[in-house]
Amino acid sequence: MRILFLSDNFPPEVNAPASRTYEHCREWVKAGCQVTVITCAPNFPTGKVFEGYANRLWAREVVDGIEVIRVWSFITANEGFLKRTLDYLSFMVTATLASLFVPRPDVIVATSPQFFCACAGWLTSILRWRPYVFELRDIWPESIRAVGAMKNELVFHLLEKIELFLYRRAARVVAVTRSFPKLLAARGIDPAKIDVITNGVDLSQFSPQPKDAQLTRTLGLEGTFVAGYVGTHGMAHALETVLEAARIIAARPDAPAVRFLLLGHGAAKAGLVEKARAMNLSTVTFLESVPRSEVARYWSLLDCSIIHLRRTELFTSVIPSKLFECMAMGLPVLHGVQGESAEIVEHEKVGIVFPSEDAVALADNVLRLAANPELRAELSRNGLAAAPHYDRRRLARSMLAILGRLVPLARRPVLDKAD
């Protein structure tokens, strides 16, 4: 089976769409499929092309058996609605054109969060006369409005009409949460065409490990309880809550030695760094993004992981993918997201849920975990037991079965009985 996958994020970028796309495609290749990914030069989130790459019209490489075609796009940092839209539109155009010069696929997959990539998927399906699958990672453009990045209602309604058009034209919609099908059904999308393949974790890359001694010394973390946030520092994440929690703990004379690490980049990072400086927060350390292969080393430094999103109804349907990495690492989670992801945390007993944007609750729970090693050990054991339920290999092959049903029987992949 030939699969054409369109995604504007792919390794060496380290965000959730890049990781999911690569890990799924890698498994599909192992199952005997021919997989081509059309993407752009790696630049997320800084808007600077990674070393060793260039923003060319066309570049080809092979990554673990995956044919990767990189096309030109208007590159900008992950900030500013207009510039980011130009980025998305340019990729839509060049990805569609590039799709005409690859072997004719059996099925086309286009992934969000933004839907202009799905536009390219639909256009390619028309031009190549093949079905396309919309992989739904985010309800866009609603998520943009939810964080205040879109004010023009006329533009919003136009984008919403395009969004619904793309759902209807897709042969299947593969959602990453169980909440998304309910949202789409309420908007008139046939629930029979929607499947759910949640995010997961590459268990070969993420597993328990002792604290990295070199990094611990370099960052001056000896003898401290370390709470950390790893991921995008964006408008949706409201990481000011973490800074305020750090201030609250630092102001308590009886508090233990607690350090906060924030690793990653994003549109809000510069403002967060400036705010922490203005608050004189010596217990907060900001770190730059690291390659995917290094992320586990930094996870190892943490005694607990903070997962947080802004308080808004839309984000109750979101499941941050880092939750599964924390499980696999055996890291207790302080989870500041309500809804479906909070239900997973509570069901699997892998962490403590607190209200979004509640700095006092976050501070109290950091101190609770710092004072209770038995609770941390219990949450860690539960995470390790739960992680195999979200094994990326199993999830990838479940999605492959969905794709296989869209192609002629003779070209379908043969899956082993375990799948």
Protein backbone atom coordinates (compact mmCIF):
# COMPACT_ATOMS: atom_id res chain seq x y z
CA MET A 1 0.00 0.00 0.00
CA ARG A 2 1.29 3.46 -0.91
CA ILE A 3 0.56 6.17 1.66
CA LEU A 4 1.10 9.88 1.05
CA PHE A 5 1.23 11.85 4.30
CA LEU A 6 1.07 15.67 4.38
CA SER A 7 2.33 17.41 7.52
CA ASP A 8 4.06 20.73 7.99
CA ASN A 9 5.93 19.30 11.00
CA PHE A 10 8.36 16.38 10.92
CA PRO A 11 11.61 15.46 12.74
CA PRO A 12 14.07 16.87 13.57
CA GLU A 13 11.28 19.12 14.89
CA VAL A 14 10.19 17.87 18.31
CA ASN A 15 6.56 18.92 18.68
CA ALA A 16 3.66 16.48 19.02
CA PRO A 17 2.57 16.47 15.31
CA ALA A 18 6.15 15.77 14.18
CA SER A 19 6.60 12.89 16.62
CA ARG A 20 3.24 11.28 15.90
CA THR A 21 3.70 11.52 12.13
CA TYR A 22 7.19 10.03 12.21
CA GLU A 23 6.37 7.23 14.65
CA HIS A 24 3.24 6.20 12.76
CA CYS A 25 4.95 6.30 9.37
CA ARG A 26 7.91 4.33 10.71
CA GLU A 27 5.58 1.54 11.82
CA TRP A 28 3.72 1.58 8.49
CA VAL A 29 7.02 1.08 6.68
CA LYS A 30 7.78 -1.87 8.96
CA ALA A 31 4.39 -3.31 7.97
CA GLY A 32 5.47 -3.24 4.33
CA CYS A 33 3.90 0.03 3.15
CA GLN A 34 5.56 2.58 0.88
CA VAL A 35 5.27 5.88 2.74
CA THR A 36 6.01 9.36 1.43
CA VAL A 37 5.81 12.40 3.70
CA ILE A 38 5.57 15.88 2.20
CA THR A 39 6.67 18.49 4.71
CA CYS A 40 8.71 21.70 4.84
CA ALA A 41 12.19 22.63 6.06
CA PRO A 42 12.36 22.06 9.84
CA ASN A 43 11.95 25.40 11.60
CA PHE A 44 9.39 25.04 14.42
CA PRO A 45 8.99 26.93 16.70
CA THR A 46 11.63 29.65 16.21
CA GLY A 47 11.04 30.20 12.49
CA LYS A 48 14.74 29.54 11.81
CA VAL A 49 15.68 26.68 9.51
CA PHE A 50 17.58 23.97 11.38
CA GLU A 51 21.27 23.53 10.71
CA GLY A 52 21.92 21.23 7.77
CA TYR A 53 18.67 22.12 6.02
CA ALA A 54 17.61 24.86 3.60
CA ASN A 55 14.24 26.28 2.56
CA ARG A 56 14.41 24.90 -0.98
CA LEU A 57 11.68 24.34 -3.53
CA TRP A 58 12.29 20.58 -3.34
CA ALA A 59 14.58 18.37 -1.25
CA ARG A 60 14.43 14.62 -0.73
CA GLU A 61 15.76 12.36 2.02
CA VAL A 62 14.98 8.90 3.41
CA VAL A 63 14.37 8.57 7.15
CA ASP A 64 14.00 5.01 8.50
CA GLY A 65 12.53 3.89 5.19
CA ILE A 66 10.19 6.89 4.92
CA GLU A 67 10.59 9.00 1.78
CA VAL A 68 10.58 12.61 2.99
CA ILE A 69 9.98 15.41 0.48
CA ARG A 70 10.64 18.90 1.86
CA VAL A 71 9.11 21.82 -0.04
CA TRP A 72 9.46 25.58 0.18
CA SER A 73 7.20 27.53 2.53
CA PHE A 74 6.98 31.03 3.95
CA ILE A 75 8.83 30.51 7.22
CA THR A 76 8.04 32.51 10.31
CA ALA A 77 8.23 32.06 14.07
CA ASN A 78 5.30 30.42 15.83
CA GLU A 79 3.70 33.77 16.62
CA GLY A 80 1.45 36.29 14.89
CA PHE A 81 -1.79 35.16 13.25
CA LEU A 82 -1.20 36.76 9.84
CA LYS A 83 2.36 35.52 9.34
CA ARG A 84 1.48 32.04 10.54
CA THR A 85 -1.46 31.94 8.12
CA LEU A 86 0.88 32.87 5.27
CA ASP A 87 3.13 30.03 6.39
CA TYR A 88 0.20 27.58 6.32
CA LEU A 89 -1.10 28.82 2.96
CA SER A 90 2.30 28.61 1.28
CA PHE A 91 2.74 25.02 2.45
CA MET A 92 -0.73 24.17 1.19
CA VAL A 93 0.24 25.36 -2.30
CA THR A 94 3.71 23.82 -2.52
CA ALA A 95 2.66 20.53 -0.89
CA THR A 96 -0.20 20.17 -3.38
CA LEU A 97 2.14 20.81 -6.31
CA ALA A 98 4.73 18.40 -4.94
CA SER A 99 2.11 15.67 -4.62
CA LEU A 100 1.84 15.60 -8.41
CA PHE A 101 5.46 14.44 -8.71
CA VAL A 102 5.40 11.43 -6.40
CA PRO A 103 4.12 7.94 -7.29
CA ARG A 104 0.35 7.80 -7.23
CA PRO A 105 -0.69 6.89 -3.68
CA ASP A 106 -3.45 4.54 -2.59
CA VAL A 107 -4.51 6.87 0.22
CA ILE A 108 -3.65 10.39 1.34
CA VAL A 109 -3.43 11.50 4.98
CA ALA A 110 -3.33 15.17 5.96
CA THR A 111 -2.85 16.22 9.56
CA SER A 112 -3.83 19.32 11.50
CA PRO A 113 -3.69 21.30 13.90
CA GLN A 114 -4.24 23.94 11.23
CA PHE A 115 -6.53 22.82 8.42
CA PHE A 116 -4.72 24.33 5.42
CA CYS A 117 -2.71 21.12 5.40
CA ALA A 118 -6.04 19.29 5.10
CA CYS A 119 -6.90 21.61 2.19
CA ALA A 120 -3.77 20.29 0.47
CA GLY A 121 -4.94 16.76 1.26
CA TRP A 122 -8.34 17.36 -0.31
CA LEU A 123 -6.85 19.06 -3.39
CA THR A 124 -4.39 16.21 -3.81
CA SER A 125 -7.20 13.66 -3.54
CA ILE A 126 -9.01 15.44 -6.37
CA LEU A 127 -5.90 15.67 -8.56
CA ARG A 128 -4.74 12.10 -7.91
CA TRP A 129 -8.24 10.61 -7.67
CA ARG A 130 -7.60 8.93 -4.35
CA PRO A 131 -9.35 9.09 -0.92
CA TYR A 132 -7.99 11.43 1.73
CA VAL A 133 -8.08 11.08 5.51
CA PHE A 134 -8.25 14.11 7.80
CA GLU A 135 -6.19 13.46 10.94
CA LEU A 136 -7.78 15.81 13.46
CA ARG A 137 -5.37 16.95 16.15
CA ASP A 138 -7.06 20.23 17.06
CA ILE A 139 -10.37 22.00 16.47
CA TRP A 140 -9.04 24.83 14.32
CA PRO A 141 -9.88 27.73 13.93
CA GLU A 142 -11.81 27.58 17.23
CA SER A 143 -8.59 26.97 19.16
CA ILE A 144 -7.12 30.18 17.73
CA ARG A 145 -10.12 32.18 18.89
CA ALA A 146 -10.02 30.48 22.29
CA VAL A 147 -6.62 32.00 23.08
CA GLY A 148 -7.58 35.43 21.76
CA ALA A 149 -5.48 35.28 18.60
CA MET A 150 -8.47 35.91 16.27
CA LYS A 151 -10.81 38.86 16.69
CA ASN A 152 -12.37 39.20 13.22
CA GLU A 153 -15.65 37.24 13.30
CA LEU A 154 -16.10 37.46 9.52
CA VAL A 155 -12.76 35.76 8.95
CA PHE A 156 -13.55 33.22 11.65
CA HIS A 157 -16.87 32.22 10.06
CA LEU A 158 -15.21 31.89 6.63
CA LEU A 159 -12.53 29.60 8.07
CA GLU A 160 -15.16 27.61 9.93
CA LYS A 161 -17.04 26.97 6.67
CA ILE A 162 -13.82 25.68 5.08
CA GLU A 163 -13.23 23.50 8.14
CA LEU A 164 -16.65 21.85 7.88
CA PHE A 165 -16.23 21.39 4.12
CA LEU A 166 -12.98 19.49 4.70
CA TYR A 167 -14.56 17.17 7.27
CA ARG A 168 -17.38 16.35 4.87
CA ARG A 169 -15.06 15.67 1.94
CA ALA A 170 -12.74 13.38 3.90
CA ALA A 171 -13.18 9.64 3.41
CA ARG A 172 -12.42 9.25 7.13
CA VAL A 173 -11.68 11.61 9.99
CA VAL A 174 -9.18 10.21 12.50
CA ALA A 175 -9.43 12.16 15.77
CA VAL A 176 -6.85 12.04 18.55
CA THR A 177 -9.41 12.33 21.40
CA ARG A 178 -12.80 10.77 22.12
CA SER A 179 -14.27 14.23 22.67
CA PHE A 180 -13.68 15.39 19.09
CA PRO A 181 -16.20 13.00 17.47
CA LYS A 182 -18.91 14.35 19.77
CA LEU A 183 -18.03 17.94 18.83
CA LEU A 184 -18.08 17.12 15.13
CA ALA A 185 -21.33 15.15 15.33
CA ALA A 186 -22.97 18.14 17.04
CA ARG A 187 -21.94 20.22 14.00
CA GLY A 188 -23.51 17.85 11.49
CA ILE A 189 -20.56 15.59 10.61
CA ASP A 190 -21.51 11.93 10.17
CA PRO A 191 -20.15 10.13 13.26
CA ALA A 192 -19.91 6.87 11.26
CA LYS A 193 -16.94 8.28 9.33
CA ILE A 194 -14.97 9.27 12.45
CA ASP A 195 -12.38 7.03 14.14
CA VAL A 196 -10.31 7.69 17.27
CA ILE A 197 -6.59 6.94 17.47
CA THR A 198 -5.28 8.69 20.56
CA ASN A 199 -1.77 9.99 20.99
CA GLY A 200 0.70 7.67 22.62
CA VAL A 201 4.34 7.14 23.46
CA ASP A 202 7.33 5.48 21.85
CA LEU A 203 8.23 3.02 24.61
CA SER A 204 11.61 2.39 23.01
CA GLN A 205 12.59 6.01 23.65
CA PHE A 206 10.86 6.83 26.93
CA SER A 207 11.40 4.68 30.02
CA PRO A 208 12.42 5.23 33.65
CA GLN A 209 15.98 6.35 34.20
CA PRO A 210 18.00 7.86 37.05
CA LYS A 211 18.51 11.59 37.17
CA ASP A 212 21.17 12.65 34.72
CA ALA A 213 24.10 13.45 37.00
CA GLN A 214 25.86 15.78 34.57
CA LEU A 215 22.77 17.88 33.91
CA THR A 216 21.90 17.93 37.61
CA ARG A 217 25.32 19.40 38.41
CA THR A 218 25.32 21.80 35.47
CA LEU A 219 21.91 23.22 36.41
CA GLY A 220 22.62 23.30 40.14
CA LEU A 221 19.74 20.99 41.05
CA GLU A 222 21.47 18.93 43.76
CA GLY A 223 19.36 18.55 46.88
CA THR A 224 16.25 20.16 45.37
CA PHE A 225 12.77 18.96 44.44
CA VAL A 226 12.38 19.65 40.72
CA ALA A 227 9.02 20.40 39.11
CA GLY A 228 9.14 20.91 35.36
CA TYR A 229 7.24 21.83 32.24
CA VAL A 230 8.49 20.42 28.92
CA GLY A 231 6.89 21.60 25.69
CA THR A 232 5.66 24.60 23.74
CA HIS A 233 5.48 27.92 25.59
CA GLY A 234 2.44 29.25 23.75
CA MET A 235 -0.58 31.43 24.34
CA ALA A 236 -2.67 28.33 25.00
CA HIS A 237 -0.49 27.13 27.87
CA ALA A 238 -0.87 30.05 30.33
CA LEU A 239 2.50 29.32 31.92
CA GLU A 240 2.23 32.50 33.98
CA THR A 241 0.46 30.15 36.39
CA VAL A 242 3.72 28.23 36.90
CA LEU A 243 5.62 31.45 37.59
CA GLU A 244 3.05 32.55 40.14
CA ALA A 245 3.20 29.14 41.84
CA ALA A 246 6.98 29.49 42.05
CA ARG A 247 6.55 32.92 43.67
CA ILE A 248 4.08 31.53 46.22
CA ILE A 249 6.41 28.71 47.22
CA ALA A 250 9.46 30.99 47.40
CA ALA A 251 7.55 33.30 49.75
CA ARG A 252 6.85 30.52 52.26
CA PRO A 253 9.63 30.43 54.87
CA ASP A 254 9.00 26.78 55.74
CA ALA A 255 8.94 25.53 52.14
CA PRO A 256 11.50 22.93 51.02
CA ALA A 257 14.02 23.67 48.27
CA VAL A 258 11.93 23.58 45.08
CA ARG A 259 13.16 24.40 41.58
CA PHE A 260 11.07 24.88 38.44
CA LEU A 261 12.43 23.98 35.00
CA LEU A 262 10.69 25.16 31.82
CA LEU A 263 12.10 23.61 28.66
CA GLY A 264 10.94 24.56 25.19
CA HIS A 265 10.11 27.51 23.00
CA GLY A 266 7.05 29.32 21.71
CA ALA A 267 5.31 32.61 21.13
CA ALA A 268 4.97 33.38 24.85
CA LYS A 269 8.47 32.43 25.99
CA ALA A 270 10.14 35.84 25.74
CA GLY A 271 7.36 37.39 27.79
CA LEU A 272 7.61 34.63 30.39
CA VAL A 273 11.36 35.09 30.75
CA GLU A 274 10.91 38.83 31.21
CA LYS A 275 8.11 38.28 33.74
CA ALA A 276 10.21 35.86 35.77
CA ARG A 277 13.04 38.38 35.78
CA ALA A 278 10.71 41.13 36.95
CA MET A 279 9.40 38.84 39.72
CA ASN A 280 12.99 38.03 40.75
CA LEU A 281 12.30 34.29 40.56
CA SER A 282 15.68 32.69 41.20
CA THR A 283 14.01 29.26 41.53
CA VAL A 284 12.84 29.24 37.88
CA THR A 285 15.17 28.11 35.08
CA PHE A 286 14.30 28.41 31.39
CA LEU A 287 15.95 25.99 28.99
CA GLU A 288 16.02 26.01 25.20
CA SER A 289 14.48 23.22 23.13
CA VAL A 290 16.62 20.12 22.69
CA PRO A 291 16.65 17.40 20.02
CA ARG A 292 14.09 14.64 20.44
CA SER A 293 16.83 12.19 21.34
CA GLU A 294 17.79 14.36 24.33
CA VAL A 295 14.32 14.97 25.77
CA ALA A 296 14.35 11.90 28.03
CA ARG A 297 17.55 13.15 29.71
CA TYR A 298 15.72 16.32 30.75
CA TRP A 299 12.58 14.44 31.80
CA SER A 300 14.87 12.45 34.12
CA LEU A 301 15.71 15.61 36.08
CA LEU A 302 12.12 16.05 37.22
CA ASP A 303 10.49 14.79 40.38
CA CYS A 304 7.11 15.75 38.92
CA SER A 305 5.85 17.06 35.60
CA ILE A 306 3.48 19.98 35.14
CA ILE A 307 0.95 19.84 32.30
CA HIS A 308 -1.11 22.98 31.88
CA LEU A 309 -3.48 24.72 29.46
CA ARG A 310 -5.52 27.89 29.62
CA ARG A 311 -8.97 27.61 31.21
CA THR A 312 -11.40 27.40 28.29
CA GLU A 313 -14.16 24.98 27.34
CA LEU A 314 -12.43 23.95 24.10
CA PHE A 315 -9.38 22.57 25.89
CA THR A 316 -11.49 20.10 27.86
CA SER A 317 -11.44 18.01 24.66
CA VAL A 318 -7.64 18.08 24.35
CA ILE A 319 -5.19 15.39 25.52
CA PRO A 320 -1.61 16.76 25.74
CA SER A 321 0.67 14.08 24.28
CA LYS A 322 3.33 14.70 26.93
CA LEU A 323 1.02 12.98 29.42
CA PHE A 324 1.91 9.60 27.87
CA GLU A 325 5.63 10.35 27.91
CA CYS A 326 5.35 11.12 31.64
CA MET A 327 3.65 7.76 32.20
CA ALA A 328 6.41 5.92 30.36
CA MET A 329 9.09 7.77 32.35
CA GLY A 330 7.31 7.02 35.63
CA LEU A 331 6.88 10.73 36.37
CA PRO A 332 4.05 11.89 38.66
CA VAL A 333 1.90 14.47 36.87
CA LEU A 334 0.41 17.71 38.14
CA HIS A 335 -2.34 18.14 35.58
CA GLY A 336 -3.85 21.58 35.07
CA VAL A 337 -6.21 20.62 32.25
CA GLN A 338 -9.84 19.70 32.75
CA GLY A 339 -11.91 17.28 30.68
CA GLU A 340 -10.90 14.10 28.88
CA SER A 341 -7.20 14.23 29.75
CA ALA A 342 -8.00 14.78 33.44
CA GLU A 343 -10.20 11.69 33.30
CA ILE A 344 -7.21 9.67 32.03
CA VAL A 345 -5.00 10.99 34.86
CA GLU A 346 -7.61 10.07 37.45
CA HIS A 347 -8.54 6.72 35.89
CA GLU A 348 -4.92 5.58 35.60
CA LYS A 349 -4.02 7.21 38.97
CA VAL A 350 -0.85 8.76 37.55
CA GLY A 351 -1.08 12.26 39.01
CA ILE A 352 -3.04 15.02 40.68
CA VAL A 353 -5.55 17.17 38.80
CA PHE A 354 -5.79 20.84 39.73
CA PRO A 355 -7.88 23.68 38.22
CA SER A 356 -6.38 25.47 35.22
CA GLU A 357 -4.80 28.86 36.00
CA ASP A 358 -4.98 28.21 39.76
CA ALA A 359 -1.47 29.03 40.96
CA VAL A 360 -2.29 28.43 44.62
CA ALA A 361 -3.54 24.91 43.87
CA LEU A 362 -0.45 24.21 41.78
CA ALA A 363 1.87 25.44 44.55
CA ASP A 364 0.04 23.39 47.18
CA ASN A 365 0.29 20.23 45.09
CA VAL A 366 3.98 20.73 44.31
CA LEU A 367 4.61 20.96 48.05
CA ARG A 368 2.37 17.96 48.67
CA LEU A 369 4.43 15.80 46.32
CA ALA A 370 7.71 17.18 47.66
CA ALA A 371 6.70 16.11 51.18
CA ASN A 372 5.35 12.69 50.24
CA PRO A 373 7.82 10.32 48.53
CA GLU A 374 5.42 7.40 49.07
CA LEU A 375 2.73 9.15 47.00
CA ARG A 376 5.28 9.93 44.28
CA ALA A 377 6.36 6.29 44.17
CA GLU A 378 2.75 5.12 43.90
CA LEU A 379 1.95 7.53 41.05
CA SER A 380 5.16 6.47 39.30
CA ARG A 381 4.26 2.77 39.50
CA ASN A 382 0.79 3.50 38.15
CA GLY A 383 2.24 5.45 35.22
CA LEU A 384 4.57 2.62 34.26
CA ALA A 385 1.67 0.16 34.42
CA ALA A 386 -0.54 2.39 32.25
CA ALA A 387 2.00 3.37 29.58
CA PRO A 388 1.74 0.13 27.53
CA HIS A 389 -1.95 0.89 26.93
CA TYR A 390 -0.76 3.88 24.86
CA ASP A 391 2.08 2.17 22.99
CA ARG A 392 2.60 4.11 19.76
CA ARG A 393 3.36 0.93 17.78
CA ARG A 394 -0.02 -0.59 18.57
CA LEU A 395 -1.84 2.69 17.87
CA ALA A 396 -0.02 3.16 14.56
CA ARG A 397 -1.07 -0.26 13.35
CA SER A 398 -4.65 0.39 14.39
CA MET A 399 -4.62 3.50 12.21
CA LEU A 400 -3.05 1.53 9.38
CA ALA A 401 -6.01 -0.86 9.50
CA ILE A 402 -8.33 2.15 9.04
CA LEU A 403 -6.34 3.33 6.03
CA GLY A 404 -6.25 -0.16 4.59
CA ARG A 405 -10.03 -0.35 4.41
CA LEU A 406 -9.98 2.56 1.93
CA VAL A 407 -7.88 0.79 -0.70
CA PRO A 408 -8.49 -2.26 -2.93
CA LEU A 409 -8.15 -5.58 -1.15
CA ALA A 410 -5.12 -6.63 -3.21
CA ARG A 411 -3.09 -3.62 -2.01
CA ARG A 412 -4.01 -3.71 1.68
CA PRO A 413 -1.24 -4.28 4.24
CA VAL A 414 -1.13 -7.62 6.05
CA LEU A 415 -1.30 -6.97 9.80
CA ASP A 416 -0.29 -9.55 12.36
CA LYS A 417 -2.95 -11.06 14.60
CA ALA A 418 -1.93 -8.94 17.58
CA ASP A 419 -3.31 -5.92 15.77
